[in-house]
N, C-alpha and C. Protein backbone atom coordinates (compact mmCIF):
# COMPACT_ATOMS: atom_id res chain seq x y z
N MET A 1 67.64 -43.31 70.12
CA MET A 1 68.26 -42.35 69.21
C MET A 1 67.16 -41.48 68.61
N SER A 2 67.36 -40.18 68.64
CA SER A 2 66.34 -39.28 68.11
C SER A 2 66.36 -39.29 66.59
N ASN A 3 65.26 -38.84 66.00
CA ASN A 3 65.15 -38.80 64.55
C ASN A 3 66.20 -37.89 63.94
N GLY A 4 66.54 -36.78 64.61
CA GLY A 4 67.57 -35.87 64.12
C GLY A 4 68.92 -36.56 63.99
N LEU A 5 69.27 -37.37 65.02
CA LEU A 5 70.54 -38.09 64.96
C LEU A 5 70.51 -39.15 63.87
N THR A 6 69.38 -39.80 63.70
CA THR A 6 69.25 -40.80 62.66
C THR A 6 69.43 -40.16 61.29
N ASN A 7 68.80 -39.03 61.07
CA ASN A 7 68.93 -38.33 59.79
C ASN A 7 70.36 -37.85 59.56
N ALA A 8 71.01 -37.34 60.61
CA ALA A 8 72.39 -36.88 60.48
C ALA A 8 73.32 -38.04 60.16
N ALA A 9 73.11 -39.17 60.81
CA ALA A 9 73.95 -40.35 60.55
C ALA A 9 73.76 -40.84 59.12
N ALA A 10 72.52 -40.85 58.66
CA ALA A 10 72.24 -41.28 57.29
C ALA A 10 72.89 -40.32 56.30
N SER A 11 72.80 -39.03 56.58
CA SER A 11 73.41 -38.03 55.70
C SER A 11 74.92 -38.20 55.65
N ASN A 12 75.53 -38.44 56.81
CA ASN A 12 76.99 -38.66 56.85
C ASN A 12 77.39 -39.91 56.06
N GLN A 13 76.58 -40.96 56.15
CA GLN A 13 76.86 -42.18 55.39
C GLN A 13 76.79 -41.91 53.89
N LYS A 14 75.81 -41.12 53.48
CA LYS A 14 75.67 -40.79 52.06
C LYS A 14 76.85 -39.95 51.59
N LEU A 15 77.25 -38.97 52.40
CA LEU A 15 78.40 -38.14 52.02
C LEU A 15 79.67 -38.99 51.90
N GLU A 16 79.84 -39.93 52.80
CA GLU A 16 81.00 -40.82 52.72
C GLU A 16 80.96 -41.67 51.46
N ALA A 17 79.78 -42.13 51.09
CA ALA A 17 79.64 -42.92 49.87
C ALA A 17 79.99 -42.07 48.65
N VAL A 18 79.57 -40.80 48.65
CA VAL A 18 79.92 -39.89 47.55
C VAL A 18 81.43 -39.68 47.51
N ARG A 19 82.05 -39.51 48.67
CA ARG A 19 83.51 -39.33 48.72
C ARG A 19 84.23 -40.55 48.12
N LYS A 20 83.72 -41.74 48.38
CA LYS A 20 84.32 -42.96 47.81
C LYS A 20 84.18 -42.97 46.28
N VAL A 21 83.02 -42.54 45.79
CA VAL A 21 82.81 -42.45 44.34
C VAL A 21 83.82 -41.47 43.74
N ILE A 22 83.95 -40.32 44.37
CA ILE A 22 84.89 -39.30 43.87
C ILE A 22 86.31 -39.86 43.86
N GLU A 23 86.69 -40.53 44.92
CA GLU A 23 88.04 -41.10 45.01
C GLU A 23 88.27 -42.13 43.90
N THR A 24 87.26 -42.91 43.59
CA THR A 24 87.37 -43.92 42.54
C THR A 24 87.55 -43.31 41.16
N TYR A 25 86.87 -42.21 40.90
CA TYR A 25 86.83 -41.64 39.55
C TYR A 25 87.69 -40.40 39.33
N LYS A 26 88.22 -39.79 40.38
CA LYS A 26 88.81 -38.46 40.25
C LYS A 26 90.00 -38.37 39.29
N ASP A 27 90.70 -39.44 39.07
CA ASP A 27 91.85 -39.40 38.17
C ASP A 27 91.49 -39.77 36.73
N LYS A 28 90.23 -40.00 36.47
CA LYS A 28 89.80 -40.35 35.11
C LYS A 28 89.31 -39.09 34.40
N GLN A 29 89.80 -38.87 33.20
CA GLN A 29 89.39 -37.70 32.44
C GLN A 29 87.89 -37.77 32.12
N GLY A 30 87.20 -36.65 32.23
CA GLY A 30 85.78 -36.60 31.92
C GLY A 30 84.90 -37.30 32.93
N CYS A 31 85.34 -37.36 34.18
CA CYS A 31 84.62 -38.14 35.20
C CYS A 31 83.43 -37.42 35.81
N LEU A 32 83.26 -36.13 35.55
CA LEU A 32 82.23 -35.37 36.25
C LEU A 32 80.84 -35.98 36.10
N ILE A 33 80.44 -36.32 34.90
CA ILE A 33 79.09 -36.87 34.68
C ILE A 33 78.92 -38.17 35.45
N ALA A 34 79.91 -39.04 35.40
CA ALA A 34 79.82 -40.32 36.11
C ALA A 34 79.71 -40.10 37.62
N VAL A 35 80.50 -39.19 38.15
CA VAL A 35 80.46 -38.91 39.58
C VAL A 35 79.11 -38.33 39.98
N LEU A 36 78.59 -37.41 39.18
CA LEU A 36 77.27 -36.84 39.48
C LEU A 36 76.18 -37.89 39.39
N HIS A 37 76.25 -38.74 38.38
CA HIS A 37 75.25 -39.80 38.21
C HIS A 37 75.24 -40.74 39.42
N LEU A 38 76.41 -41.20 39.82
CA LEU A 38 76.50 -42.12 40.96
C LEU A 38 76.11 -41.43 42.27
N SER A 39 76.46 -40.15 42.39
CA SER A 39 76.07 -39.39 43.58
C SER A 39 74.55 -39.26 43.65
N GLN A 40 73.92 -39.05 42.50
CA GLN A 40 72.47 -38.96 42.47
C GLN A 40 71.83 -40.31 42.82
N GLU A 41 72.45 -41.40 42.43
CA GLU A 41 71.94 -42.71 42.82
C GLU A 41 71.99 -42.88 44.34
N ILE A 42 73.01 -42.33 44.96
CA ILE A 42 73.16 -42.43 46.42
C ILE A 42 72.11 -41.59 47.13
N TYR A 43 71.92 -40.36 46.68
CA TYR A 43 71.01 -39.42 47.34
C TYR A 43 69.59 -39.45 46.79
N GLY A 44 69.43 -39.84 45.53
CA GLY A 44 68.13 -39.73 44.88
C GLY A 44 67.97 -38.42 44.15
N TYR A 45 68.88 -37.49 44.39
CA TYR A 45 68.93 -36.18 43.74
C TYR A 45 70.29 -35.57 44.07
N LEU A 46 70.55 -34.35 43.60
CA LEU A 46 71.85 -33.72 43.83
C LEU A 46 71.68 -32.43 44.62
N PRO A 47 71.64 -32.55 45.95
CA PRO A 47 71.52 -31.34 46.76
C PRO A 47 72.76 -30.46 46.62
N GLU A 48 72.63 -29.21 47.01
CA GLU A 48 73.71 -28.24 46.85
C GLU A 48 74.99 -28.70 47.56
N GLU A 49 74.86 -29.29 48.74
CA GLU A 49 76.05 -29.71 49.47
C GLU A 49 76.84 -30.79 48.71
N VAL A 50 76.14 -31.66 48.01
CA VAL A 50 76.80 -32.69 47.20
C VAL A 50 77.48 -32.06 45.99
N GLN A 51 76.81 -31.13 45.36
CA GLN A 51 77.41 -30.43 44.22
C GLN A 51 78.68 -29.69 44.66
N ARG A 52 78.64 -29.05 45.82
CA ARG A 52 79.83 -28.34 46.34
C ARG A 52 80.97 -29.31 46.61
N LEU A 53 80.65 -30.44 47.22
CA LEU A 53 81.67 -31.45 47.52
C LEU A 53 82.31 -31.97 46.23
N VAL A 54 81.49 -32.29 45.25
CA VAL A 54 82.00 -32.78 43.97
C VAL A 54 82.90 -31.73 43.32
N ALA A 55 82.44 -30.49 43.32
CA ALA A 55 83.22 -29.40 42.72
C ALA A 55 84.58 -29.27 43.41
N GLU A 56 84.55 -29.23 44.73
CA GLU A 56 85.78 -29.06 45.50
C GLU A 56 86.77 -30.20 45.27
N GLU A 57 86.27 -31.41 45.33
CA GLU A 57 87.15 -32.58 45.22
C GLU A 57 87.69 -32.80 43.81
N LEU A 58 86.91 -32.37 42.80
CA LEU A 58 87.36 -32.58 41.42
C LEU A 58 88.02 -31.34 40.83
N GLY A 59 88.06 -30.25 41.59
CA GLY A 59 88.74 -29.04 41.13
C GLY A 59 87.94 -28.18 40.17
N PHE A 60 86.63 -28.25 40.26
CA PHE A 60 85.75 -27.41 39.44
C PHE A 60 85.15 -26.33 40.32
N SER A 61 84.68 -25.27 39.68
CA SER A 61 83.95 -24.26 40.44
C SER A 61 82.55 -24.79 40.72
N PRO A 62 81.96 -24.40 41.84
CA PRO A 62 80.59 -24.83 42.13
C PRO A 62 79.62 -24.40 41.02
N SER A 63 79.84 -23.23 40.42
CA SER A 63 78.94 -22.78 39.36
C SER A 63 79.04 -23.67 38.13
N TYR A 64 80.24 -24.19 37.84
CA TYR A 64 80.38 -25.09 36.69
C TYR A 64 79.61 -26.39 36.94
N VAL A 65 79.77 -26.96 38.12
CA VAL A 65 79.06 -28.20 38.44
C VAL A 65 77.56 -27.97 38.41
N SER A 66 77.11 -26.85 38.96
CA SER A 66 75.69 -26.51 38.94
C SER A 66 75.18 -26.38 37.51
N SER A 67 75.98 -25.79 36.63
CA SER A 67 75.54 -25.62 35.24
C SER A 67 75.42 -26.97 34.54
N VAL A 68 76.30 -27.91 34.85
CA VAL A 68 76.22 -29.25 34.27
C VAL A 68 74.96 -29.95 34.78
N VAL A 69 74.71 -29.84 36.08
CA VAL A 69 73.53 -30.47 36.68
C VAL A 69 72.25 -29.90 36.07
N SER A 70 72.20 -28.60 35.89
CA SER A 70 70.98 -27.99 35.35
C SER A 70 70.81 -28.23 33.85
N PHE A 71 71.91 -28.49 33.14
CA PHE A 71 71.83 -28.72 31.69
C PHE A 71 71.19 -30.07 31.36
N TYR A 72 71.58 -31.11 32.08
CA TYR A 72 71.11 -32.46 31.77
C TYR A 72 69.82 -32.78 32.52
N SER A 73 68.79 -33.17 31.78
CA SER A 73 67.48 -33.40 32.39
C SER A 73 67.44 -34.62 33.30
N PHE A 74 68.40 -35.51 33.21
CA PHE A 74 68.36 -36.69 34.08
C PHE A 74 68.91 -36.39 35.47
N PHE A 75 69.48 -35.20 35.66
CA PHE A 75 69.88 -34.80 37.00
C PHE A 75 68.76 -34.01 37.65
N SER A 76 68.62 -34.15 38.95
CA SER A 76 67.59 -33.42 39.68
C SER A 76 68.21 -32.78 40.92
N THR A 77 67.78 -31.56 41.21
CA THR A 77 68.26 -30.87 42.41
C THR A 77 67.22 -30.93 43.52
N THR A 78 66.13 -31.61 43.28
CA THR A 78 65.10 -31.81 44.30
C THR A 78 64.78 -33.30 44.36
N PRO A 79 64.36 -33.76 45.53
CA PRO A 79 64.03 -35.18 45.64
C PRO A 79 62.93 -35.55 44.65
N ARG A 80 63.11 -36.68 44.01
CA ARG A 80 62.10 -37.17 43.08
C ARG A 80 61.12 -38.06 43.82
N ALA A 81 59.98 -38.22 43.23
CA ALA A 81 58.92 -39.02 43.84
C ALA A 81 59.18 -40.51 43.66
N ARG A 82 58.36 -41.29 44.34
CA ARG A 82 58.45 -42.75 44.17
C ARG A 82 58.08 -43.15 42.75
N HIS A 83 57.17 -42.38 42.12
CA HIS A 83 56.73 -42.70 40.77
C HIS A 83 56.84 -41.45 39.90
N GLU A 84 57.60 -41.54 38.83
CA GLU A 84 57.74 -40.43 37.89
C GLU A 84 56.79 -40.64 36.72
N ILE A 85 55.96 -39.63 36.50
CA ILE A 85 55.04 -39.65 35.37
C ILE A 85 55.64 -38.79 34.28
N LYS A 86 55.93 -39.39 33.14
CA LYS A 86 56.45 -38.64 32.00
C LYS A 86 55.36 -38.60 30.94
N ILE A 87 54.95 -37.39 30.60
CA ILE A 87 53.94 -37.22 29.57
C ILE A 87 54.65 -36.83 28.29
N CYS A 88 54.43 -37.59 27.24
CA CYS A 88 55.05 -37.28 25.96
C CYS A 88 54.35 -36.08 25.33
N LEU A 89 55.15 -35.11 24.94
CA LEU A 89 54.63 -33.96 24.21
C LEU A 89 55.35 -33.80 22.88
N GLY A 90 55.81 -34.94 22.33
CA GLY A 90 56.32 -34.93 20.97
C GLY A 90 55.16 -34.59 20.04
N THR A 91 55.44 -34.35 18.79
CA THR A 91 54.42 -33.86 17.85
C THR A 91 53.16 -34.73 17.83
N ALA A 92 53.31 -36.02 17.65
CA ALA A 92 52.13 -36.89 17.55
C ALA A 92 51.32 -36.88 18.84
N CYS A 93 51.99 -36.97 19.98
CA CYS A 93 51.27 -36.98 21.25
C CYS A 93 50.62 -35.63 21.54
N TYR A 94 51.31 -34.56 21.20
CA TYR A 94 50.75 -33.23 21.43
C TYR A 94 49.48 -33.04 20.61
N VAL A 95 49.57 -33.40 19.32
CA VAL A 95 48.42 -33.22 18.42
C VAL A 95 47.23 -34.08 18.86
N LYS A 96 47.51 -35.24 19.42
CA LYS A 96 46.42 -36.15 19.81
C LYS A 96 45.97 -35.97 21.26
N GLY A 97 46.38 -34.86 21.89
CA GLY A 97 45.83 -34.54 23.21
C GLY A 97 46.77 -34.62 24.38
N GLY A 98 48.06 -34.68 24.14
CA GLY A 98 49.02 -34.75 25.24
C GLY A 98 48.90 -33.60 26.24
N LYS A 99 48.66 -32.41 25.74
CA LYS A 99 48.53 -31.24 26.62
C LYS A 99 47.32 -31.38 27.54
N LEU A 100 46.24 -31.98 27.04
CA LEU A 100 45.06 -32.20 27.88
C LEU A 100 45.35 -33.20 29.00
N ILE A 101 46.22 -34.16 28.70
CA ILE A 101 46.62 -35.13 29.73
C ILE A 101 47.44 -34.44 30.80
N VAL A 102 48.35 -33.55 30.39
CA VAL A 102 49.13 -32.78 31.35
C VAL A 102 48.19 -32.02 32.28
N GLU A 103 47.24 -31.32 31.71
CA GLU A 103 46.31 -30.52 32.50
C GLU A 103 45.50 -31.39 33.47
N LYS A 104 45.08 -32.56 33.01
CA LYS A 104 44.29 -33.46 33.87
C LYS A 104 45.14 -33.98 35.02
N LEU A 105 46.38 -34.37 34.74
CA LEU A 105 47.25 -34.86 35.81
C LEU A 105 47.57 -33.77 36.82
N GLU A 106 47.79 -32.57 36.34
CA GLU A 106 48.04 -31.44 37.25
C GLU A 106 46.82 -31.23 38.15
N GLU A 107 45.64 -31.33 37.57
CA GLU A 107 44.40 -31.17 38.34
C GLU A 107 44.25 -32.28 39.38
N LEU A 108 44.45 -33.52 38.96
CA LEU A 108 44.27 -34.66 39.86
C LEU A 108 45.29 -34.68 40.99
N LEU A 109 46.53 -34.31 40.68
CA LEU A 109 47.60 -34.41 41.67
C LEU A 109 47.83 -33.12 42.44
N GLY A 110 47.32 -32.03 41.92
CA GLY A 110 47.48 -30.76 42.63
C GLY A 110 48.87 -30.17 42.55
N VAL A 111 49.66 -30.58 41.56
CA VAL A 111 51.00 -30.04 41.35
C VAL A 111 51.20 -29.77 39.86
N SER A 112 52.16 -28.93 39.56
CA SER A 112 52.48 -28.59 38.18
C SER A 112 53.62 -29.45 37.65
N VAL A 113 53.84 -29.36 36.36
CA VAL A 113 54.97 -30.06 35.74
C VAL A 113 56.25 -29.66 36.45
N GLY A 114 57.09 -30.66 36.74
CA GLY A 114 58.35 -30.43 37.42
C GLY A 114 58.25 -30.50 38.93
N GLU A 115 57.04 -30.67 39.44
CA GLU A 115 56.85 -30.71 40.89
C GLU A 115 56.50 -32.12 41.35
N THR A 116 56.61 -32.31 42.66
CA THR A 116 56.32 -33.58 43.30
C THR A 116 55.16 -33.38 44.27
N THR A 117 54.28 -34.36 44.33
CA THR A 117 53.16 -34.27 45.26
C THR A 117 53.69 -34.21 46.69
N PRO A 118 52.96 -33.54 47.58
CA PRO A 118 53.43 -33.41 48.97
C PRO A 118 53.71 -34.74 49.66
N ASP A 119 53.00 -35.79 49.27
CA ASP A 119 53.23 -37.10 49.88
C ASP A 119 54.43 -37.84 49.27
N GLY A 120 55.06 -37.24 48.25
CA GLY A 120 56.23 -37.86 47.63
C GLY A 120 55.92 -39.01 46.69
N ARG A 121 54.65 -39.19 46.37
CA ARG A 121 54.26 -40.33 45.54
C ARG A 121 54.53 -40.10 44.06
N PHE A 122 54.18 -38.91 43.52
CA PHE A 122 54.29 -38.67 42.09
C PHE A 122 55.04 -37.39 41.76
N SER A 123 55.80 -37.43 40.68
CA SER A 123 56.36 -36.25 40.04
C SER A 123 55.83 -36.23 38.62
N ILE A 124 55.53 -35.02 38.12
CA ILE A 124 55.07 -34.88 36.74
C ILE A 124 56.21 -34.29 35.92
N LEU A 125 56.57 -34.98 34.86
CA LEU A 125 57.64 -34.52 33.98
C LEU A 125 57.15 -34.55 32.53
N ILE A 126 57.81 -33.79 31.69
CA ILE A 126 57.50 -33.77 30.27
C ILE A 126 58.61 -34.49 29.51
N ALA A 127 58.23 -35.30 28.56
CA ALA A 127 59.20 -35.94 27.66
C ALA A 127 58.94 -35.41 26.26
N ARG A 128 59.98 -35.21 25.50
CA ARG A 128 59.81 -34.71 24.14
C ARG A 128 59.45 -35.81 23.17
N CYS A 129 59.79 -37.05 23.47
CA CYS A 129 59.36 -38.18 22.66
C CYS A 129 59.65 -39.46 23.43
N LEU A 130 58.66 -40.33 23.50
CA LEU A 130 58.85 -41.62 24.15
C LEU A 130 58.95 -42.75 23.13
N GLY A 131 58.96 -42.39 21.85
CA GLY A 131 59.18 -43.37 20.80
C GLY A 131 58.00 -44.27 20.52
N ALA A 132 56.81 -43.82 20.84
CA ALA A 132 55.61 -44.63 20.60
C ALA A 132 54.58 -43.79 19.85
N CYS A 133 55.01 -43.10 18.82
CA CYS A 133 54.17 -42.13 18.10
C CYS A 133 52.89 -42.74 17.55
N GLY A 134 52.93 -43.98 17.11
CA GLY A 134 51.75 -44.63 16.57
C GLY A 134 50.72 -44.97 17.63
N LEU A 135 51.09 -44.85 18.89
CA LEU A 135 50.20 -45.19 20.00
C LEU A 135 49.77 -43.94 20.77
N ALA A 136 50.00 -42.78 20.19
CA ALA A 136 49.80 -41.49 20.84
C ALA A 136 48.35 -41.27 21.24
N PRO A 137 48.17 -40.52 22.32
CA PRO A 137 49.18 -39.97 23.22
C PRO A 137 49.60 -41.02 24.26
N VAL A 138 50.85 -40.92 24.70
CA VAL A 138 51.37 -41.88 25.67
C VAL A 138 51.93 -41.17 26.89
N ILE A 139 51.87 -41.89 28.00
CA ILE A 139 52.56 -41.47 29.21
C ILE A 139 53.38 -42.67 29.68
N MET A 140 54.35 -42.39 30.51
CA MET A 140 55.16 -43.46 31.07
C MET A 140 55.25 -43.21 32.57
N ILE A 141 54.90 -44.19 33.35
CA ILE A 141 55.06 -44.11 34.80
C ILE A 141 56.09 -45.15 35.16
N ASP A 142 57.19 -44.66 35.72
CA ASP A 142 58.36 -45.50 35.99
C ASP A 142 58.79 -46.14 34.67
N ASP A 143 58.66 -47.45 34.54
CA ASP A 143 59.05 -48.12 33.29
C ASP A 143 57.86 -48.66 32.50
N THR A 144 56.66 -48.27 32.87
CA THR A 144 55.46 -48.75 32.20
C THR A 144 54.90 -47.68 31.28
N VAL A 145 54.67 -48.04 30.01
CA VAL A 145 54.12 -47.11 29.03
C VAL A 145 52.62 -47.36 28.90
N TYR A 146 51.87 -46.27 28.95
CA TYR A 146 50.41 -46.33 28.75
C TYR A 146 50.11 -45.66 27.42
N GLN A 147 49.40 -46.34 26.56
CA GLN A 147 49.17 -45.86 25.20
C GLN A 147 47.73 -45.39 24.98
N LYS A 148 47.57 -44.57 23.96
CA LYS A 148 46.26 -44.04 23.57
C LYS A 148 45.50 -43.52 24.79
N CYS A 149 46.20 -42.73 25.59
CA CYS A 149 45.63 -42.22 26.84
C CYS A 149 44.59 -41.14 26.58
N GLU A 150 43.67 -41.06 27.53
CA GLU A 150 42.66 -40.01 27.51
C GLU A 150 42.61 -39.40 28.90
N PRO A 151 42.34 -38.11 28.98
CA PRO A 151 42.26 -37.47 30.29
C PRO A 151 41.32 -38.20 31.25
N SER A 152 40.22 -38.69 30.74
CA SER A 152 39.23 -39.38 31.59
C SER A 152 39.78 -40.68 32.20
N GLY A 153 40.84 -41.22 31.67
CA GLY A 153 41.41 -42.46 32.18
C GLY A 153 42.56 -42.28 33.16
N MET A 154 42.94 -41.05 33.43
CA MET A 154 44.11 -40.81 34.27
C MET A 154 43.92 -41.24 35.71
N GLN A 155 42.74 -41.01 36.28
CA GLN A 155 42.52 -41.40 37.67
C GLN A 155 42.68 -42.90 37.85
N ALA A 156 42.15 -43.69 36.93
CA ALA A 156 42.26 -45.15 37.03
C ALA A 156 43.72 -45.59 36.96
N ILE A 157 44.51 -44.93 36.12
CA ILE A 157 45.94 -45.27 36.03
C ILE A 157 46.62 -44.92 37.35
N LEU A 158 46.37 -43.74 37.87
CA LEU A 158 46.99 -43.32 39.15
C LEU A 158 46.61 -44.25 40.29
N ASP A 159 45.35 -44.72 40.29
CA ASP A 159 44.89 -45.62 41.35
C ASP A 159 45.71 -46.91 41.39
N GLY A 160 46.31 -47.30 40.30
CA GLY A 160 47.15 -48.48 40.27
C GLY A 160 48.48 -48.30 40.97
N TYR A 161 48.78 -47.10 41.42
CA TYR A 161 50.06 -46.81 42.07
C TYR A 161 49.90 -46.42 43.53
N LYS A 162 48.85 -46.89 44.15
CA LYS A 162 48.69 -46.65 45.59
C LYS A 162 49.67 -47.55 46.32
N ASP A 163 50.52 -46.93 47.08
CA ASP A 163 51.57 -47.70 47.78
C ASP A 163 51.09 -48.25 49.10
């Protein structure tokens, strides 16, 4: 079986899974967020074809679904990396050097905030507060919080995520 057929079969399986989610939730009022959330779990993000399918099946315009997806930061229209780096830029973290950490990570990874490295390993995101103000500046990679970070320590942290 060629890679193209494998990818097409996987895509069809994912679309069928999304259709099942829609069927389960379509008669529940306010189901759009739940359907989008579960669809994103299936795909890892919300490509345009999934947004169109959700809109069509739930009776919304594609532009409405797109506006909901773009409004909520937990939805993504591009594939996310294996490891998401969230840099806190709340007041305490910003004042204590959060912006310098952003700049260092962009330099080390070669991508800007909101982008994913070409190898799919890391995405850089901004958080407005991670709730650890007394430990500022902080970053969070996946579910691990790193406290009192310094730009000079970023490479060592990244090295811990070699897959």
